[in-house]
Amino acid sequence: MPTVSRDPKPDHGQQRAVPTQARSQASRNAIMQAALALWRTKGFADTTVTDICKAAGVSKALFYVYFSRREDVLLAIEVFTVHDAQSAADAVLTRPYELVDLIAAIIGTLEAQMRDYPPELVFETILETYRLERRILNEDPTEDQLTVLFLDPFRQAERDGKLPAGTDVTRAARIAQTLLTDSVRRWAASEFRNGPLARALAEEITDLLDTAR
């Protein structure tokens, strides 16, 4: 007669892990939400880690479990997200398009996200991405790390004939990303007063790529 195995005894350690993980995520989220609320009212420069911890109801020790620096909270909040920009590019690539449309879709998605935040916070995020890039450059980076927004869309654009065959796609993506970062920094420094960003910048990048061939 075949034996029937009994259900294994519950792993109480595993049962404890789930609530612990949930509490950890809740604490991390509380820190991020408190930081964002303070940055909206006090500004980034005038908000300290102590301020954030008091507002979040956590200790400094717990803050440093999740974040090494105040700036790491800024990056975790994701003032703009690469994923959404890539999704916008993918949507353009499924229909007839020109290169300028592809670039405008990527930038337009980022612009819409950034307008939900104070310009100072966008500016600080850009500065932090510069610092992050410097750290990446010191660690022998792959090109994907330095051209993350535009590399895959430009590769598809080349296959679609929107970039000439033989184009140095990696260089083109690097040019586009560098110009975008610099333009966003200036746009945020002007407190978004320079009008819509996406289309004008997309046209500028397209023209620059034309002359760089």
Protein backbone atom coordinates (compact mmCIF):
# COMPACT_ATOMS: atom_id res chain seq x y z
CA MET A 1 0.00 0.00 0.00
CA PRO A 2 1.41 3.41 -0.90
CA THR A 3 2.15 5.66 2.00
CA VAL A 4 0.51 9.06 2.28
CA SER A 5 2.90 11.77 3.32
CA ARG A 6 1.71 14.22 5.88
CA ASP A 7 1.90 17.94 5.30
CA PRO A 8 5.18 19.26 6.66
CA LYS A 9 5.04 21.14 9.90
CA PRO A 10 4.75 24.88 9.34
CA ASP A 11 8.04 26.74 9.28
CA HIS A 12 7.50 29.26 12.03
CA GLY A 13 10.68 31.06 11.08
CA GLN A 14 9.31 31.61 7.61
CA GLN A 15 5.98 32.74 9.04
CA ARG A 16 7.80 35.32 11.11
CA ALA A 17 9.80 36.50 8.10
CA VAL A 18 6.77 37.72 6.17
CA PRO A 19 5.52 40.18 8.81
CA THR A 20 9.12 41.29 9.44
CA GLN A 21 9.61 42.03 5.75
CA ALA A 22 6.30 43.90 5.68
CA ARG A 23 7.34 46.01 8.67
CA SER A 24 10.70 46.72 7.04
CA GLN A 25 9.03 47.90 3.84
CA ALA A 26 6.59 50.00 5.86
CA SER A 27 9.45 51.68 7.70
CA ARG A 28 11.31 52.37 4.47
CA ASN A 29 8.17 53.81 2.89
CA ALA A 30 7.53 55.97 5.96
CA ILE A 31 11.01 57.45 5.66
CA MET A 32 10.52 58.18 1.96
CA GLN A 33 7.09 59.75 2.48
CA ALA A 34 8.31 61.87 5.39
CA ALA A 35 11.30 63.06 3.39
CA LEU A 36 9.16 64.00 0.42
CA ALA A 37 6.66 65.89 2.57
CA LEU A 38 9.45 67.85 4.25
CA TRP A 39 11.19 68.58 0.97
CA ARG A 40 7.96 69.99 -0.41
CA THR A 41 7.56 72.36 2.54
CA LYS A 42 11.08 73.07 3.84
CA GLY A 43 13.09 72.41 0.72
CA PHE A 44 15.82 69.85 0.20
CA ALA A 45 18.75 71.89 1.50
CA ASP A 46 17.06 72.79 4.81
CA THR A 47 15.87 69.27 5.63
CA THR A 48 18.20 67.11 7.70
CA VAL A 49 18.23 63.37 8.34
CA THR A 50 17.12 64.18 11.89
CA ASP A 51 14.09 66.05 10.54
CA ILE A 52 13.18 63.09 8.35
CA CYS A 53 13.52 60.60 11.20
CA LYS A 54 11.33 62.70 13.51
CA ALA A 55 8.64 63.07 10.86
CA ALA A 56 8.74 59.35 10.02
CA GLY A 57 8.78 58.29 13.68
CA VAL A 58 11.94 56.22 13.30
CA SER A 59 15.40 56.31 14.83
CA LYS A 60 18.50 57.44 13.00
CA ALA A 61 19.84 53.92 13.36
CA LEU A 62 16.84 52.57 11.45
CA PHE A 63 17.23 55.28 8.79
CA TYR A 64 20.78 54.10 8.14
CA VAL A 65 19.63 50.52 7.80
CA TYR A 66 17.87 51.53 4.59
CA PHE A 67 19.79 54.57 3.38
CA SER A 68 23.43 55.60 3.59
CA ARG A 69 22.70 59.25 2.89
CA ARG A 70 19.83 61.66 2.55
CA GLU A 71 20.48 61.70 -1.20
CA ASP A 72 19.80 57.97 -1.39
CA VAL A 73 16.24 58.66 -0.29
CA LEU A 74 15.96 61.13 -3.15
CA LEU A 75 16.97 58.48 -5.68
CA ALA A 76 14.64 55.92 -4.12
CA ILE A 77 11.64 58.25 -4.50
CA GLU A 78 12.19 58.15 -8.28
CA VAL A 79 11.33 61.67 -9.33
CA PHE A 80 11.49 60.21 -12.83
CA THR A 81 11.51 56.54 -13.78
CA VAL A 82 13.32 54.90 -16.66
CA HIS A 83 10.72 52.13 -16.83
CA ASP A 84 7.87 54.48 -17.74
CA ALA A 85 10.01 56.27 -20.32
CA GLN A 86 10.92 52.96 -21.93
CA SER A 87 7.26 51.94 -22.01
CA ALA A 88 6.43 55.19 -23.81
CA ALA A 89 9.18 54.46 -26.34
CA ASP A 90 7.87 50.93 -26.88
CA ALA A 91 4.40 52.34 -27.62
CA VAL A 92 5.83 54.65 -30.30
CA LEU A 93 7.81 51.81 -31.86
CA THR A 94 4.63 49.82 -32.51
CA ARG A 95 3.29 52.38 -35.00
CA PRO A 96 4.67 54.52 -37.86
CA TYR A 97 7.00 57.13 -36.37
CA GLU A 98 9.93 59.43 -36.91
CA LEU A 99 12.99 59.63 -34.70
CA VAL A 100 11.87 62.94 -33.22
CA ASP A 101 8.58 61.32 -32.14
CA LEU A 102 10.46 58.55 -30.35
CA ILE A 103 12.70 60.98 -28.49
CA ALA A 104 9.78 63.27 -27.62
CA ALA A 105 7.84 60.33 -26.12
CA ILE A 106 10.73 59.46 -23.82
CA ILE A 107 11.30 63.04 -22.71
CA GLY A 108 7.58 63.81 -22.44
CA THR A 109 7.07 60.96 -20.00
CA LEU A 110 9.90 62.19 -17.81
CA GLU A 111 8.65 65.77 -18.02
CA ALA A 112 5.16 64.79 -16.87
CA GLN A 113 6.61 62.95 -13.89
CA MET A 114 8.95 65.80 -12.92
CA ARG A 115 6.19 68.40 -12.95
CA ASP A 116 4.65 66.58 -9.97
CA TYR A 117 7.63 67.59 -7.83
CA PRO A 118 9.13 70.92 -6.72
CA PRO A 119 11.74 72.18 -9.20
CA GLU A 120 14.39 72.19 -6.46
CA LEU A 121 13.85 68.47 -5.95
CA VAL A 122 14.21 67.78 -9.67
CA PHE A 123 17.39 69.87 -9.71
CA GLU A 124 18.84 67.96 -6.77
CA THR A 125 17.93 64.66 -8.41
CA ILE A 126 19.83 65.65 -11.54
CA LEU A 127 22.85 66.62 -9.48
CA GLU A 128 22.70 63.28 -7.74
CA THR A 129 22.51 61.44 -11.06
CA TYR A 130 25.72 63.27 -12.06
CA ARG A 131 27.39 62.00 -8.89
CA LEU A 132 26.06 58.51 -9.54
CA GLU A 133 27.43 58.63 -13.07
CA ARG A 134 30.85 59.59 -11.74
CA ARG A 135 30.79 56.59 -9.42
CA ILE A 136 29.78 54.36 -12.32
CA LEU A 137 32.59 55.75 -14.48
CA ASN A 138 35.08 54.87 -11.77
CA GLU A 139 33.88 51.25 -11.77
CA ASP A 140 34.50 50.37 -15.45
CA PRO A 141 30.86 50.72 -16.55
CA THR A 142 29.05 49.02 -19.39
CA GLU A 143 27.60 51.29 -22.04
CA ASP A 144 24.09 50.21 -21.03
CA GLN A 145 24.60 51.93 -17.68
CA LEU A 146 25.50 55.24 -19.32
CA THR A 147 22.89 55.23 -22.10
CA VAL A 148 19.99 53.53 -20.35
CA LEU A 149 17.22 55.82 -21.61
CA PHE A 150 17.98 55.80 -25.31
CA LEU A 151 20.13 52.81 -26.23
CA ASP A 152 17.46 50.16 -26.82
CA PRO A 153 15.02 52.56 -28.55
CA PHE A 154 17.81 53.80 -30.83
CA ARG A 155 18.83 50.25 -31.67
CA GLN A 156 15.27 49.58 -32.80
CA ALA A 157 15.17 52.91 -34.66
CA GLU A 158 18.27 51.87 -36.60
CA ARG A 159 16.65 48.55 -37.52
CA ASP A 160 13.58 50.51 -38.66
CA GLY A 161 15.67 52.79 -40.85
CA LYS A 162 15.16 55.89 -38.70
CA LEU A 163 18.88 56.01 -38.05
CA PRO A 164 21.21 55.28 -41.00
CA ALA A 165 22.82 51.86 -41.11
CA GLY A 166 26.25 52.01 -39.55
CA THR A 167 25.32 54.74 -37.08
CA ASP A 168 27.25 54.48 -33.83
CA VAL A 169 24.08 53.88 -31.85
CA THR A 170 25.83 53.85 -28.49
CA ARG A 171 27.38 57.25 -29.18
CA ALA A 172 24.04 58.61 -30.40
CA ALA A 173 22.32 57.39 -27.21
CA ARG A 174 25.08 58.93 -25.09
CA ILE A 175 24.70 62.29 -26.87
CA ALA A 176 20.94 62.22 -26.35
CA GLN A 177 21.16 61.32 -22.68
CA THR A 178 23.84 63.93 -21.96
CA LEU A 179 21.83 66.69 -23.64
CA LEU A 180 18.67 65.60 -21.83
CA THR A 181 20.33 65.65 -18.42
CA ASP A 182 21.85 69.08 -18.98
CA SER A 183 18.58 70.49 -20.33
CA VAL A 184 16.55 69.15 -17.41
CA ARG A 185 19.04 70.67 -14.97
CA ARG A 186 18.64 74.09 -16.57
CA TRP A 187 14.87 73.66 -16.88
CA ALA A 188 14.55 72.83 -13.18
CA ALA A 189 16.88 75.68 -12.21
CA SER A 190 14.51 78.06 -14.02
CA GLU A 191 11.63 76.54 -11.97
CA PHE A 192 10.00 75.15 -15.14
CA ARG A 193 9.48 78.68 -16.50
CA ASN A 194 10.97 77.90 -19.91
CA GLY A 195 7.81 76.24 -21.16
CA PRO A 196 7.22 72.63 -22.28
CA LEU A 197 10.42 70.67 -22.61
CA ALA A 198 9.75 67.54 -24.63
CA ARG A 199 9.16 68.56 -28.23
CA ALA A 200 11.70 71.37 -28.43
CA LEU A 201 14.39 69.24 -26.82
CA ALA A 202 13.54 66.25 -29.02
CA GLU A 203 13.98 68.41 -32.10
CA GLU A 204 17.29 69.73 -30.76
CA ILE A 205 18.59 66.21 -30.11
CA THR A 206 17.43 65.01 -33.53
CA ASP A 207 19.19 67.92 -35.25
CA LEU A 208 22.35 67.27 -33.23
CA LEU A 209 22.36 63.61 -34.19
CA ASP A 210 21.95 64.59 -37.84
CA THR A 211 25.06 66.78 -37.69
CA ALA A 212 27.01 64.21 -35.66
CA ARG A 213 26.77 61.49 -38.29
